[in-house]
C-alpha cells in the first residue's frame, strides 16, 4: 500500500474535515474526530515530534478556552462534565496544532504575522461555530470577538515558537509510514 505524499493541501483538507467533524458532529462524532487525529499522526514522518507539538499546543489552547468558558464567554449545550470545555473542542485544538508545521508552516517563521492573522481569523471561526450551534457566547459579539482575537494572538505567537522549536529537534522517523510509502 502506498500512502499519498502528505502535502500542505492534504493537511489543509484534513483539518477542514477535523473542524466540520467537531463542529457539526460534536459529542456524537468524537470517536471519528480522534480517528482523524490518529490518521494525521500516521501520515507524519516525525509522528513523535508532531504528537509533542499537538499535545503542547493543545494543552495551551484547552487551558485558554477553559478559562474563557469558566469566565462565561463560552456556553456549551450540553454542559461539559469533566473539563470546562467539551471533548470535541479538545480534539479541535489538537487538530489545529497539526496544521502548524504543515499547511500553516509559512506562519511558523513569522510569529507576528501569525498573531495578526489570528486576531481576525479566530473570532470568525468561533462565530461560524456559533452559527452551527456548537457554542453560544455569554458576551455581546464585539466583546467576544475582541476577547477571542486577543487570546488567539497571544496563543498563536506561542504556537509558532513551539512549532519552530519542534522542527529543529531531530527525532526518530515514523518507520511504519516510511515503509508504507515506499511499498
C-alpha atoms as a PDB file:
ATOM      1  CA  UNK A   1       0.000   0.000   0.000  1.00  0.00           C
ATOM      2  CA  UNK A   2       1.450   3.344  -0.991  1.00  0.00           C
ATOM      3  CA  UNK A   3       0.498   6.413   1.027  1.00  0.00           C
ATOM      4  CA  UNK A   4      -0.037   9.734  -0.696  1.00  0.00           C
ATOM      5  CA  UNK A   5       2.593  12.391  -0.177  1.00  0.00           C
ATOM      6  CA  UNK A   6       1.310  14.357   2.818  1.00  0.00           C
ATOM      7  CA  UNK A   7       1.226  17.775   1.215  1.00  0.00           C
ATOM      8  CA  UNK A   8       0.132  21.112   2.602  1.00  0.00           C
ATOM      9  CA  UNK A   9      -3.072  20.803   0.586  1.00  0.00           C
ATOM     10  CA  UNK A  10      -3.855  17.383   2.068  1.00  0.00           C
ATOM     11  CA  UNK A  11      -3.151  18.737   5.546  1.00  0.00           C
ATOM     12  CA  UNK A  12      -5.459  21.697   4.896  1.00  0.00           C
ATOM     13  CA  UNK A  13      -8.231  19.347   3.700  1.00  0.00           C
ATOM     14  CA  UNK A  14      -7.597  17.057   6.665  1.00  0.00           C
ATOM     15  CA  UNK A  15      -8.046  19.978   9.079  1.00  0.00           C
ATOM     16  CA  UNK A  16     -11.271  21.033   7.364  1.00  0.00           C
ATOM     17  CA  UNK A  17     -12.588  17.520   7.975  1.00  0.00           C
ATOM     18  CA  UNK A  18     -11.494  17.798  11.627  1.00  0.00           C
ATOM     19  CA  UNK A  19     -13.213  21.185  12.012  1.00  0.00           C
ATOM     20  CA  UNK A  20     -16.503  20.110  10.449  1.00  0.00           C
ATOM     21  CA  UNK A  21     -16.499  16.790  12.320  1.00  0.00           C
ATOM     22  CA  UNK A  22     -16.010  18.625  15.627  1.00  0.00           C
ATOM     23  CA  UNK A  23     -18.434  21.483  14.978  1.00  0.00           C
ATOM     24  CA  UNK A  24     -21.235  19.573  13.253  1.00  0.00           C
ATOM     25  CA  UNK A  25     -20.839  16.211  14.992  1.00  0.00           C
ATOM     26  CA  UNK A  26     -19.828  17.406  18.442  1.00  0.00           C
ATOM     27  CA  UNK A  27     -20.272  14.663  21.092  1.00  0.00           C
ATOM     28  CA  UNK A  28     -21.771  12.147  18.643  1.00  0.00           C
ATOM     29  CA  UNK A  29     -18.712  12.237  16.358  1.00  0.00           C
ATOM     30  CA  UNK A  30     -15.912  12.464  18.943  1.00  0.00           C
ATOM     31  CA  UNK A  31     -14.652   8.945  18.058  1.00  0.00           C
ATOM     32  CA  UNK A  32     -14.413   9.948  14.379  1.00  0.00           C
ATOM     33  CA  UNK A  33     -12.583  13.112  15.376  1.00  0.00           C
ATOM     34  CA  UNK A  34      -9.934  11.167  17.280  1.00  0.00           C
ATOM     35  CA  UNK A  35      -9.548   8.683  14.420  1.00  0.00           C
ATOM     36  CA  UNK A  36      -8.812  11.675  12.165  1.00  0.00           C
ATOM     37  CA  UNK A  37      -6.174  12.867  14.647  1.00  0.00           C
ATOM     38  CA  UNK A  38      -4.583   9.415  14.615  1.00  0.00           C
ATOM     39  CA  UNK A  39      -4.613   9.407  10.822  1.00  0.00           C
ATOM     40  CA  UNK A  40      -2.680  12.677  10.822  1.00  0.00           C
ATOM     41  CA  UNK A  41      -0.007  11.188  13.075  1.00  0.00           C
ATOM     42  CA  UNK A  42       0.193   8.111  10.871  1.00  0.00           C
ATOM     43  CA  UNK A  43       0.821  10.305   7.831  1.00  0.00           C
ATOM     44  CA  UNK A  44       3.582  12.306   9.553  1.00  0.00           C
ATOM     45  CA  UNK A  45       7.156  11.114   9.107  1.00  0.00           C
ATOM     46  CA  UNK A  46       8.090  12.532  12.516  1.00  0.00           C
ATOM     47  CA  UNK A  47       4.963  11.454  14.371  1.00  0.00           C
ATOM     48  CA  UNK A  48       6.596  11.621  17.813  1.00  0.00           C
ATOM     49  CA  UNK A  49       7.602  15.243  17.351  1.00  0.00           C
ATOM     50  CA  UNK A  50       4.216  16.020  15.846  1.00  0.00           C
ATOM     51  CA  UNK A  51       2.462  14.423  18.818  1.00  0.00           C
ATOM     52  CA  UNK A  52       4.559  16.511  21.227  1.00  0.00           C
ATOM     53  CA  UNK A  53       3.654  19.656  19.325  1.00  0.00           C
ATOM     54  CA  UNK A  54      -0.028  18.726  19.242  1.00  0.00           C
ATOM     55  CA  UNK A  55      -0.078  17.980  22.970  1.00  0.00           C
ATOM     56  CA  UNK A  56       1.842  21.150  23.892  1.00  0.00           C
ATOM     57  CA  UNK A  57      -0.243  23.494  21.769  1.00  0.00           C
ATOM     58  CA  UNK A  58      -3.392  21.561  22.584  1.00  0.00           C
ATOM     59  CA  UNK A  59      -2.777  21.989  26.308  1.00  0.00           C
ATOM     60  CA  UNK A  60      -2.305  25.747  25.924  1.00  0.00           C
ATOM     61  CA  UNK A  61      -5.452  26.039  23.811  1.00  0.00           C
ATOM     62  CA  UNK A  62      -7.515  23.909  26.181  1.00  0.00           C
ATOM     63  CA  UNK A  63      -6.328  25.981  29.154  1.00  0.00           C
ATOM     64  CA  UNK A  64      -7.180  29.240  27.377  1.00  0.00           C
ATOM     65  CA  UNK A  65     -10.639  28.088  26.286  1.00  0.00           C
ATOM     66  CA  UNK A  66     -11.291  26.577  29.732  1.00  0.00           C
ATOM     67  CA  UNK A  67     -10.532  29.911  31.397  1.00  0.00           C
ATOM     68  CA  UNK A  68     -12.754  31.737  28.894  1.00  0.00           C
ATOM     69  CA  UNK A  69     -15.515  29.182  29.433  1.00  0.00           C
ATOM     70  CA  UNK A  70     -15.292  29.490  33.222  1.00  0.00           C
ATOM     71  CA  UNK A  71     -15.388  33.278  32.810  1.00  0.00           C
ATOM     72  CA  UNK A  72     -18.688  32.917  30.950  1.00  0.00           C
ATOM     73  CA  UNK A  73     -17.573  33.731  27.413  1.00  0.00           C
ATOM     74  CA  UNK A  74     -18.463  30.290  26.011  1.00  0.00           C
ATOM     75  CA  UNK A  75     -21.664  28.430  26.799  1.00  0.00           C
ATOM     76  CA  UNK A  76     -21.974  24.810  25.678  1.00  0.00           C
ATOM     77  CA  UNK A  77     -25.056  22.605  25.500  1.00  0.00           C
ATOM     78  CA  UNK A  78     -24.864  20.050  26.912  1.00  0.00           C
ATOM     79  CA  UNK A  79     -22.690  21.420  29.673  1.00  0.00           C
ATOM     80  CA  UNK A  80     -19.325  19.609  29.745  1.00  0.00           C
ATOM     81  CA  UNK A  81     -18.854  17.392  32.795  1.00  0.00           C
ATOM     82  CA  UNK A  82     -15.116  16.693  33.124  1.00  0.00           C
ATOM     83  CA  UNK A  83     -13.479  19.809  31.674  1.00  0.00           C
ATOM     84  CA  UNK A  84     -14.957  23.295  31.319  1.00  0.00           C
ATOM     85  CA  UNK A  85     -14.992  22.661  27.549  1.00  0.00           C
ATOM     86  CA  UNK A  86     -16.313  19.670  25.584  1.00  0.00           C
ATOM     87  CA  UNK A  87     -14.032  16.867  24.418  1.00  0.00           C
ATOM     88  CA  UNK A  88     -14.672  17.722  20.763  1.00  0.00           C
ATOM     89  CA  UNK A  89     -13.122  21.157  21.388  1.00  0.00           C
ATOM     90  CA  UNK A  90     -10.054  19.467  22.881  1.00  0.00           C
ATOM     91  CA  UNK A  91      -9.833  17.451  19.658  1.00  0.00           C
ATOM     92  CA  UNK A  92     -10.194  20.615  17.624  1.00  0.00           C
ATOM     93  CA  UNK A  93      -7.238  22.169  19.455  1.00  0.00           C
ATOM     94  CA  UNK A  94      -5.136  19.079  18.807  1.00  0.00           C
ATOM     95  CA  UNK A  95      -6.152  19.207  15.153  1.00  0.00           C
ATOM     96  CA  UNK A  96      -5.257  22.862  14.807  1.00  0.00           C
ATOM     97  CA  UNK A  97      -1.802  22.132  16.215  1.00  0.00           C
ATOM     98  CA  UNK A  98      -1.481  19.506  13.489  1.00  0.00           C
ATOM     99  CA  UNK A  99      -1.514  22.257  10.861  1.00  0.00           C
ATOM    100  CA  UNK A 100       1.356  24.324  12.238  1.00  0.00           C
ATOM    101  CA  UNK A 101       4.251  22.514  10.577  1.00  0.00           C
ATOM    102  CA  UNK A 102       2.227  21.582   7.512  1.00  0.00           C
ATOM    103  CA  UNK A 103      -0.440  23.728   5.852  1.00  0.00           C
ATOM    104  CA  UNK A 104       0.352  26.705   8.116  1.00  0.00           C
ATOM    105  CA  UNK A 105       4.140  26.306   8.093  1.00  0.00           C
ATOM    106  CA  UNK A 106       4.509  29.652   6.313  1.00  0.00           C
ATOM    107  CA  UNK A 107       3.410  31.367   9.524  1.00  0.00           C
ATOM    108  CA  UNK A 108       5.763  29.473  11.853  1.00  0.00           C
ATOM    109  CA  UNK A 109       8.736  31.621  10.845  1.00  0.00           C
ATOM    110  CA  UNK A 110       6.559  34.755  11.015  1.00  0.00           C
ATOM    111  CA  UNK A 111       5.125  34.834  14.550  1.00  0.00           C
ATOM    112  CA  UNK A 112       3.953  38.446  14.380  1.00  0.00           C
ATOM    113  CA  UNK A 113       2.098  37.814  11.129  1.00  0.00           C
ATOM    114  CA  UNK A 114       0.591  34.657  12.630  1.00  0.00           C
ATOM    115  CA  UNK A 115      -0.605  36.651  15.647  1.00  0.00           C
ATOM    116  CA  UNK A 116      -2.053  39.415  13.498  1.00  0.00           C
ATOM    117  CA  UNK A 117      -3.832  36.940  11.226  1.00  0.00           C
ATOM    118  CA  UNK A 118      -5.320  35.070  14.167  1.00  0.00           C
ATOM    119  CA  UNK A 119      -6.545  38.323  15.677  1.00  0.00           C
ATOM    120  CA  UNK A 120      -9.051  38.499  12.810  1.00  0.00           C
ATOM    121  CA  UNK A 121      -9.452  34.861  11.763  1.00  0.00           C
ATOM    122  CA  UNK A 122     -10.035  33.229  15.159  1.00  0.00           C
ATOM    123  CA  UNK A 123     -13.215  35.164  16.013  1.00  0.00           C
ATOM    124  CA  UNK A 124     -14.592  34.307  12.564  1.00  0.00           C
ATOM    125  CA  UNK A 125     -14.044  30.606  13.234  1.00  0.00           C
ATOM    126  CA  UNK A 126     -15.778  30.801  16.622  1.00  0.00           C
ATOM    127  CA  UNK A 127     -18.674  32.779  15.136  1.00  0.00           C
ATOM    128  CA  UNK A 128     -19.014  30.112  12.441  1.00  0.00           C
ATOM    129  CA  UNK A 129     -19.159  27.541  15.232  1.00  0.00           C
ATOM    130  CA  UNK A 130     -21.898  29.591  16.853  1.00  0.00           C
ATOM    131  CA  UNK A 131     -23.875  29.638  13.583  1.00  0.00           C
ATOM    132  CA  UNK A 132     -23.700  25.834  13.504  1.00  0.00           C
ATOM    133  CA  UNK A 133     -24.947  25.658  17.105  1.00  0.00           C
ATOM    134  CA  UNK A 134     -21.718  24.384  18.662  1.00  0.00           C
ATOM    135  CA  UNK A 135     -21.336  27.285  21.102  1.00  0.00           C
ATOM    136  CA  UNK A 136     -23.107  30.404  22.295  1.00  0.00           C
ATOM    137  CA  UNK A 137     -21.468  33.454  23.772  1.00  0.00           C
ATOM    138  CA  UNK A 138     -22.102  34.970  27.171  1.00  0.00           C
ATOM    139  CA  UNK A 139     -20.882  38.370  25.932  1.00  0.00           C
ATOM    140  CA  UNK A 140     -22.031  40.571  23.085  1.00  0.00           C
ATOM    141  CA  UNK A 141     -20.466  39.857  19.692  1.00  0.00           C
ATOM    142  CA  UNK A 142     -17.971  42.729  19.801  1.00  0.00           C
ATOM    143  CA  UNK A 143     -16.645  41.855  23.271  1.00  0.00           C
ATOM    144  CA  UNK A 144     -16.457  38.172  22.309  1.00  0.00           C
ATOM    145  CA  UNK A 145     -14.551  38.985  19.103  1.00  0.00           C
ATOM    146  CA  UNK A 146     -12.049  41.183  20.925  1.00  0.00           C
ATOM    147  CA  UNK A 147     -11.500  38.613  23.683  1.00  0.00           C
ATOM    148  CA  UNK A 148     -11.146  35.675  21.296  1.00  0.00           C
ATOM    149  CA  UNK A 149      -8.909  37.624  18.910  1.00  0.00           C
ATOM    150  CA  UNK A 150      -6.600  38.861  21.662  1.00  0.00           C
ATOM    151  CA  UNK A 151      -6.376  35.400  23.223  1.00  0.00           C
ATOM    152  CA  UNK A 152      -5.566  33.806  19.892  1.00  0.00           C
ATOM    153  CA  UNK A 153      -2.981  36.460  19.019  1.00  0.00           C
ATOM    154  CA  UNK A 154      -1.047  35.550  22.175  1.00  0.00           C
ATOM    155  CA  UNK A 155      -1.581  31.810  21.699  1.00  0.00           C
ATOM    156  CA  UNK A 156      -0.531  31.899  18.066  1.00  0.00           C
ATOM    157  CA  UNK A 157       2.719  33.631  18.962  1.00  0.00           C
ATOM    158  CA  UNK A 158       3.438  30.843  21.466  1.00  0.00           C
ATOM    159  CA  UNK A 159       2.364  28.158  18.980  1.00  0.00           C
ATOM    160  CA  UNK A 160       4.775  29.429  16.331  1.00  0.00           C
ATOM    161  CA  UNK A 161       7.629  29.318  18.838  1.00  0.00           C
ATOM    162  CA  UNK A 162       6.729  25.763  19.869  1.00  0.00           C
ATOM    163  CA  UNK A 163       6.389  24.657  16.242  1.00  0.00           C
ATOM    164  CA  UNK A 164       9.698  26.253  15.243  1.00  0.00           C
ATOM    165  CA  UNK A 165      11.405  24.524  18.167  1.00  0.00           C
ATOM    166  CA  UNK A 166       9.860  21.177  17.255  1.00  0.00           C
ATOM    167  CA  UNK A 167      11.125  21.487  13.685  1.00  0.00           C
ATOM    168  CA  UNK A 168      14.682  21.837  15.000  1.00  0.00           C
ATOM    169  CA  UNK A 169      14.520  18.653  17.095  1.00  0.00           C
ATOM    170  CA  UNK A 170      15.893  15.549  15.433  1.00  0.00           C
ATOM    171  CA  UNK A 171      13.570  12.690  16.362  1.00  0.00           C
ATOM    172  CA  UNK A 172      13.260   9.151  15.025  1.00  0.00           C
ATOM    173  CA  UNK A 173      11.158   8.926  11.885  1.00  0.00           C
ATOM    174  CA  UNK A 174       7.874   7.033  11.671  1.00  0.00           C
ATOM    175  CA  UNK A 175       9.177   3.798  10.196  1.00  0.00           C
ATOM    176  CA  UNK A 176       5.706   2.393   9.567  1.00  0.00           C
ATOM    177  CA  UNK A 177       4.643   5.347   7.428  1.00  0.00           C
ATOM    178  CA  UNK A 178       8.019   5.457   5.665  1.00  0.00           C
ATOM    179  CA  UNK A 179       7.843   1.738   4.853  1.00  0.00           C
ATOM    180  CA  UNK A 180       4.272   2.007   3.585  1.00  0.00           C
ATOM    181  CA  UNK A 181       5.174   4.993   1.421  1.00  0.00           C
ATOM    182  CA  UNK A 182       7.987   3.089  -0.252  1.00  0.00           C
ATOM    183  CA  UNK A 183       5.910  -0.048  -0.864  1.00  0.00           C
END
